[in-house]
Amino acid sequence: MSNITSPEGAAMRSVLNILGNAQEESDNEQVPRQEPNYDEVLLAFAENCIFLESLSHHWHLQTNVYDAHKVLEKLYTELPEFVDTFIEGILSTRGPLPCTGTAFVFQPVQEVQKVLTVFRTMCDSVHNILETLEDHSSVNALEDIMSFIDGILYQLRVLQ
């Protein structure tokens, strides 16, 4: 499975790649169209959310610019509540979160906007899936994450 990578290695499992692989398979005329495995997509996204909590704390500890330090502190202290609400909603309809053994690699603070932007794109893809599944409570919880990440990205861009 592909990952979002930097020279240091895998940062996050790419939900976009899981969805893209399903689309590539369906583009082949000899292979019947297959829907992506939504449970696999949701699991990858849940793992990314959990890892992003630790990654954001790591970024917070990497910066010595006070304003960035405060924005990243907000990210790592407030994100876990949003993630917990979202994942608990997913678990209520799909059961316990399995362990996949996926390895993640911490990224330097210089990658924060890039990683958050890719994560936000993943949110859009997962949002579409949840709407298709008519999982309205998960959609609402995900929209809270999306708004929060948008606010953090805005604050980080203003600091540049």
C-alpha atoms as a PDB file:
ATOM      1  CA  MET A   1       0.000   0.000   0.000  1.00  0.00           C
ATOM      2  CA  SER A   2       1.287   3.440  -0.894  1.00  0.00           C
ATOM      3  CA  ASN A   3       2.025   6.108   1.655  1.00  0.00           C
ATOM      4  CA  ILE A   4       2.455   9.842   1.747  1.00  0.00           C
ATOM      5  CA  THR A   5       6.200  10.048   1.971  1.00  0.00           C
ATOM      6  CA  SER A   6       9.042  12.397   2.543  1.00  0.00           C
ATOM      7  CA  PRO A   7      12.744  11.596   2.495  1.00  0.00           C
ATOM      8  CA  GLU A   8      12.324  10.279   6.037  1.00  0.00           C
ATOM      9  CA  GLY A   9       9.699   7.666   5.066  1.00  0.00           C
ATOM     10  CA  ALA A  10       5.992   7.055   5.453  1.00  0.00           C
ATOM     11  CA  ALA A  11       4.025   9.779   7.190  1.00  0.00           C
ATOM     12  CA  MET A  12       0.480   8.487   6.719  1.00  0.00           C
ATOM     13  CA  ARG A  13      -1.377   5.712   4.936  1.00  0.00           C
ATOM     14  CA  SER A  14      -2.914   7.324   1.910  1.00  0.00           C
ATOM     15  CA  VAL A  15      -6.680   7.074   1.826  1.00  0.00           C
ATOM     16  CA  LEU A  16      -6.411   8.687  -1.588  1.00  0.00           C
ATOM     17  CA  ASN A  17      -4.258   5.830  -2.866  1.00  0.00           C
ATOM     18  CA  ILE A  18      -6.731   3.226  -1.616  1.00  0.00           C
ATOM     19  CA  LEU A  19      -9.512   5.022  -3.467  1.00  0.00           C
ATOM     20  CA  GLY A  20      -7.271   5.580  -6.515  1.00  0.00           C
ATOM     21  CA  ASN A  21      -6.334   1.905  -6.739  1.00  0.00           C
ATOM     22  CA  ALA A  22     -10.021   0.953  -6.826  1.00  0.00           C
ATOM     23  CA  GLN A  23     -10.609   3.520  -9.603  1.00  0.00           C
ATOM     24  CA  GLU A  24      -7.620   2.254 -11.644  1.00  0.00           C
ATOM     25  CA  GLU A  25      -8.953  -1.296 -11.405  1.00  0.00           C
ATOM     26  CA  SER A  26     -12.381  -0.132 -12.584  1.00  0.00           C
ATOM     27  CA  ASP A  27     -10.833   1.789 -15.533  1.00  0.00           C
ATOM     28  CA  ASN A  28      -9.513  -1.485 -16.938  1.00  0.00           C
ATOM     29  CA  GLU A  29     -12.203  -2.628 -19.406  1.00  0.00           C
ATOM     30  CA  GLN A  30     -11.518  -6.310 -18.688  1.00  0.00           C
ATOM     31  CA  VAL A  31     -12.100  -5.954 -14.955  1.00  0.00           C
ATOM     32  CA  PRO A  32     -15.621  -5.268 -13.698  1.00  0.00           C
ATOM     33  CA  ARG A  33     -16.007  -2.019 -11.736  1.00  0.00           C
ATOM     34  CA  GLN A  34     -15.239  -2.515  -8.053  1.00  0.00           C
ATOM     35  CA  GLU A  35     -16.185  -0.174  -5.264  1.00  0.00           C
ATOM     36  CA  PRO A  36     -13.329   0.579  -2.894  1.00  0.00           C
ATOM     37  CA  ASN A  37     -13.427  -1.309   0.380  1.00  0.00           C
ATOM     38  CA  TYR A  38     -14.942   1.409   2.542  1.00  0.00           C
ATOM     39  CA  ASP A  39     -13.969  -0.360   5.759  1.00  0.00           C
ATOM     40  CA  GLU A  40     -10.315  -0.361   4.644  1.00  0.00           C
ATOM     41  CA  VAL A  41     -10.534   3.338   3.771  1.00  0.00           C
ATOM     42  CA  LEU A  42     -12.125   4.182   7.127  1.00  0.00           C
ATOM     43  CA  LEU A  43      -9.520   2.130   9.009  1.00  0.00           C
ATOM     44  CA  ALA A  44      -6.648   3.875   7.198  1.00  0.00           C
ATOM     45  CA  PHE A  45      -8.235   7.239   7.929  1.00  0.00           C
ATOM     46  CA  ALA A  46      -8.794   6.376  11.603  1.00  0.00           C
ATOM     47  CA  GLU A  47      -5.135   5.360  11.922  1.00  0.00           C
ATOM     48  CA  ASN A  48      -4.079   8.612  10.250  1.00  0.00           C
ATOM     49  CA  CYS A  49      -6.215  10.589  12.696  1.00  0.00           C
ATOM     50  CA  ILE A  50      -4.658   8.843  15.680  1.00  0.00           C
ATOM     51  CA  PHE A  51      -1.135   9.295  14.332  1.00  0.00           C
ATOM     52  CA  LEU A  52      -1.797  12.954  13.517  1.00  0.00           C
ATOM     53  CA  GLU A  53      -2.414  13.544  17.230  1.00  0.00           C
ATOM     54  CA  SER A  54       1.132  12.378  18.066  1.00  0.00           C
ATOM     55  CA  LEU A  55       2.653  14.025  15.020  1.00  0.00           C
ATOM     56  CA  SER A  56       1.113  17.377  15.954  1.00  0.00           C
ATOM     57  CA  HIS A  57       2.548  17.123  19.466  1.00  0.00           C
ATOM     58  CA  HIS A  58       5.945  16.340  17.942  1.00  0.00           C
ATOM     59  CA  TRP A  59       5.688  19.401  15.674  1.00  0.00           C
ATOM     60  CA  HIS A  60       4.781  21.514  18.696  1.00  0.00           C
ATOM     61  CA  LEU A  61       8.011  20.414  20.371  1.00  0.00           C
ATOM     62  CA  GLN A  62      10.111  21.063  17.232  1.00  0.00           C
ATOM     63  CA  THR A  63       9.385  24.748  16.838  1.00  0.00           C
ATOM     64  CA  ASN A  64      10.991  27.631  18.670  1.00  0.00           C
ATOM     65  CA  VAL A  65       8.783  30.294  17.051  1.00  0.00           C
ATOM     66  CA  TYR A  66       6.334  31.306  19.764  1.00  0.00           C
ATOM     67  CA  ASP A  67       3.282  31.937  17.542  1.00  0.00           C
ATOM     68  CA  ALA A  68       3.736  28.666  15.645  1.00  0.00           C
ATOM     69  CA  HIS A  69       4.336  26.904  18.971  1.00  0.00           C
ATOM     70  CA  LYS A  70       0.941  28.170  20.226  1.00  0.00           C
ATOM     71  CA  VAL A  71      -0.929  27.161  17.034  1.00  0.00           C
ATOM     72  CA  LEU A  72       0.619  23.694  17.149  1.00  0.00           C
ATOM     73  CA  GLU A  73      -0.220  23.464  20.851  1.00  0.00           C
ATOM     74  CA  LYS A  74      -3.853  24.125  19.955  1.00  0.00           C
ATOM     75  CA  LEU A  75      -3.641  21.418  17.272  1.00  0.00           C
ATOM     76  CA  TYR A  76      -2.245  18.739  19.561  1.00  0.00           C
ATOM     77  CA  THR A  77      -4.421  19.583  22.577  1.00  0.00           C
ATOM     78  CA  GLU A  78      -7.775  19.983  20.799  1.00  0.00           C
ATOM     79  CA  LEU A  79      -7.521  17.496  17.916  1.00  0.00           C
ATOM     80  CA  PRO A  80      -7.777  14.372  20.123  1.00  0.00           C
ATOM     81  CA  GLU A  81     -11.312  15.234  21.273  1.00  0.00           C
ATOM     82  CA  PHE A  82     -12.498  15.652  17.682  1.00  0.00           C
ATOM     83  CA  VAL A  83     -10.778  12.425  16.625  1.00  0.00           C
ATOM     84  CA  ASP A  84     -12.157  10.492  19.598  1.00  0.00           C
ATOM     85  CA  THR A  85     -15.722  11.583  18.824  1.00  0.00           C
ATOM     86  CA  PHE A  86     -15.335  10.660  15.147  1.00  0.00           C
ATOM     87  CA  ILE A  87     -13.721   7.261  15.701  1.00  0.00           C
ATOM     88  CA  GLU A  88     -16.128   6.274  18.482  1.00  0.00           C
ATOM     89  CA  GLY A  89     -18.983   6.954  16.058  1.00  0.00           C
ATOM     90  CA  ILE A  90     -17.352   4.749  13.435  1.00  0.00           C
ATOM     91  CA  LEU A  91     -16.766   2.016  16.037  1.00  0.00           C
ATOM     92  CA  SER A  92     -20.401   2.061  17.105  1.00  0.00           C
ATOM     93  CA  THR A  93     -21.464   0.870  13.646  1.00  0.00           C
ATOM     94  CA  ARG A  94     -18.414  -1.168  12.580  1.00  0.00           C
ATOM     95  CA  GLY A  95     -16.983  -2.694  15.750  1.00  0.00           C
ATOM     96  CA  PRO A  96     -13.564  -2.401  17.390  1.00  0.00           C
ATOM     97  CA  LEU A  97     -10.625  -0.851  15.590  1.00  0.00           C
ATOM     98  CA  PRO A  98      -8.308  -3.679  14.484  1.00  0.00           C
ATOM     99  CA  CYS A  99      -4.526  -3.446  14.694  1.00  0.00           C
ATOM    100  CA  THR A 100      -2.960  -3.312  11.229  1.00  0.00           C
ATOM    101  CA  GLY A 101       0.694  -3.098  12.189  1.00  0.00           C
ATOM    102  CA  THR A 102       1.124  -0.020  10.000  1.00  0.00           C
ATOM    103  CA  ALA A 103       4.330   1.882  10.745  1.00  0.00           C
ATOM    104  CA  PHE A 104       4.325   5.682  10.764  1.00  0.00           C
ATOM    105  CA  VAL A 105       7.271   8.067  10.689  1.00  0.00           C
ATOM    106  CA  PHE A 106       7.401  11.474  12.341  1.00  0.00           C
ATOM    107  CA  GLN A 107       7.924  14.386   9.966  1.00  0.00           C
ATOM    108  CA  PRO A 108       9.829  17.628  10.523  1.00  0.00           C
ATOM    109  CA  VAL A 109       7.859  20.717  11.463  1.00  0.00           C
ATOM    110  CA  GLN A 110       8.638  22.187   8.021  1.00  0.00           C
ATOM    111  CA  GLU A 111       6.185  19.592   6.602  1.00  0.00           C
ATOM    112  CA  VAL A 112       3.249  20.629   8.809  1.00  0.00           C
ATOM    113  CA  GLN A 113       1.256  22.524   6.179  1.00  0.00           C
ATOM    114  CA  LYS A 114       1.894  19.900   3.509  1.00  0.00           C
ATOM    115  CA  VAL A 115       0.822  17.018   5.749  1.00  0.00           C
ATOM    116  CA  LEU A 116      -2.243  18.866   7.069  1.00  0.00           C
ATOM    117  CA  THR A 117      -3.279  19.801   3.525  1.00  0.00           C
ATOM    118  CA  VAL A 118      -3.051  16.177   2.385  1.00  0.00           C
ATOM    119  CA  PHE A 119      -4.916  15.082   5.509  1.00  0.00           C
ATOM    120  CA  ARG A 120      -7.636  17.643   4.746  1.00  0.00           C
ATOM    121  CA  THR A 121      -7.974  16.204   1.217  1.00  0.00           C
ATOM    122  CA  MET A 122      -8.370  12.757   2.787  1.00  0.00           C
ATOM    123  CA  CYS A 123     -11.145  14.212   4.946  1.00  0.00           C
ATOM    124  CA  ASP A 124     -13.014  15.254   1.793  1.00  0.00           C
ATOM    125  CA  SER A 125     -12.783  11.726   0.373  1.00  0.00           C
ATOM    126  CA  VAL A 126     -13.944  10.121   3.617  1.00  0.00           C
ATOM    127  CA  HIS A 127     -16.745  12.696   3.859  1.00  0.00           C
ATOM    128  CA  ASN A 128     -18.022  11.588   0.434  1.00  0.00           C
ATOM    129  CA  ILE A 129     -17.928   7.941   1.508  1.00  0.00           C
ATOM    130  CA  LEU A 130     -19.820   8.634   4.732  1.00  0.00           C
ATOM    131  CA  GLU A 131     -22.451  10.614   2.847  1.00  0.00           C
ATOM    132  CA  THR A 132     -22.842   7.714   0.404  1.00  0.00           C
ATOM    133  CA  LEU A 133     -23.318   5.379   3.381  1.00  0.00           C
ATOM    134  CA  GLU A 134     -25.770   7.882   4.919  1.00  0.00           C
ATOM    135  CA  ASP A 135     -23.739   7.856   8.155  1.00  0.00           C
ATOM    136  CA  HIS A 136     -24.893  11.321   9.188  1.00  0.00           C
ATOM    137  CA  SER A 137     -23.482  11.338  12.725  1.00  0.00           C
ATOM    138  CA  SER A 138     -20.015  10.447  11.412  1.00  0.00           C
ATOM    139  CA  VAL A 139     -20.369  13.108   8.716  1.00  0.00           C
ATOM    140  CA  ASN A 140     -21.074  15.713  11.399  1.00  0.00           C
ATOM    141  CA  ALA A 141     -18.105  14.600  13.527  1.00  0.00           C
ATOM    142  CA  LEU A 142     -15.839  14.624  10.467  1.00  0.00           C
ATOM    143  CA  GLU A 143     -17.018  18.114   9.529  1.00  0.00           C
ATOM    144  CA  ASP A 144     -15.876  19.262  12.983  1.00  0.00           C
ATOM    145  CA  ILE A 145     -12.401  17.861  12.237  1.00  0.00           C
ATOM    146  CA  MET A 146     -12.399  19.489   8.802  1.00  0.00           C
ATOM    147  CA  SER A 147     -13.332  22.916  10.185  1.00  0.00           C
ATOM    148  CA  PHE A 148     -10.726  22.605  12.919  1.00  0.00           C
ATOM    149  CA  ILE A 149      -7.953  21.657  10.450  1.00  0.00           C
ATOM    150  CA  ASP A 150      -9.018  24.498   8.123  1.00  0.00           C
ATOM    151  CA  GLY A 151      -8.634  26.925  11.036  1.00  0.00           C
ATOM    152  CA  ILE A 152      -5.195  25.584  11.949  1.00  0.00           C
ATOM    153  CA  LEU A 153      -4.026  25.782   8.322  1.00  0.00           C
ATOM    154  CA  TYR A 154      -5.283  29.361   8.097  1.00  0.00           C
ATOM    155  CA  GLN A 155      -3.405  30.331  11.274  1.00  0.00           C
ATOM    156  CA  LEU A 156      -0.200  28.682  10.022  1.00  0.00           C
ATOM    157  CA  ARG A 157      -0.450  30.466   6.663  1.00  0.00           C
ATOM    158  CA  VAL A 158      -0.927  33.835   8.392  1.00  0.00           C
ATOM    159  CA  LEU A 159       2.283  33.210  10.355  1.00  0.00           C
ATOM    160  CA  GLN A 160       4.347  32.866   7.184  1.00  0.00           C
END
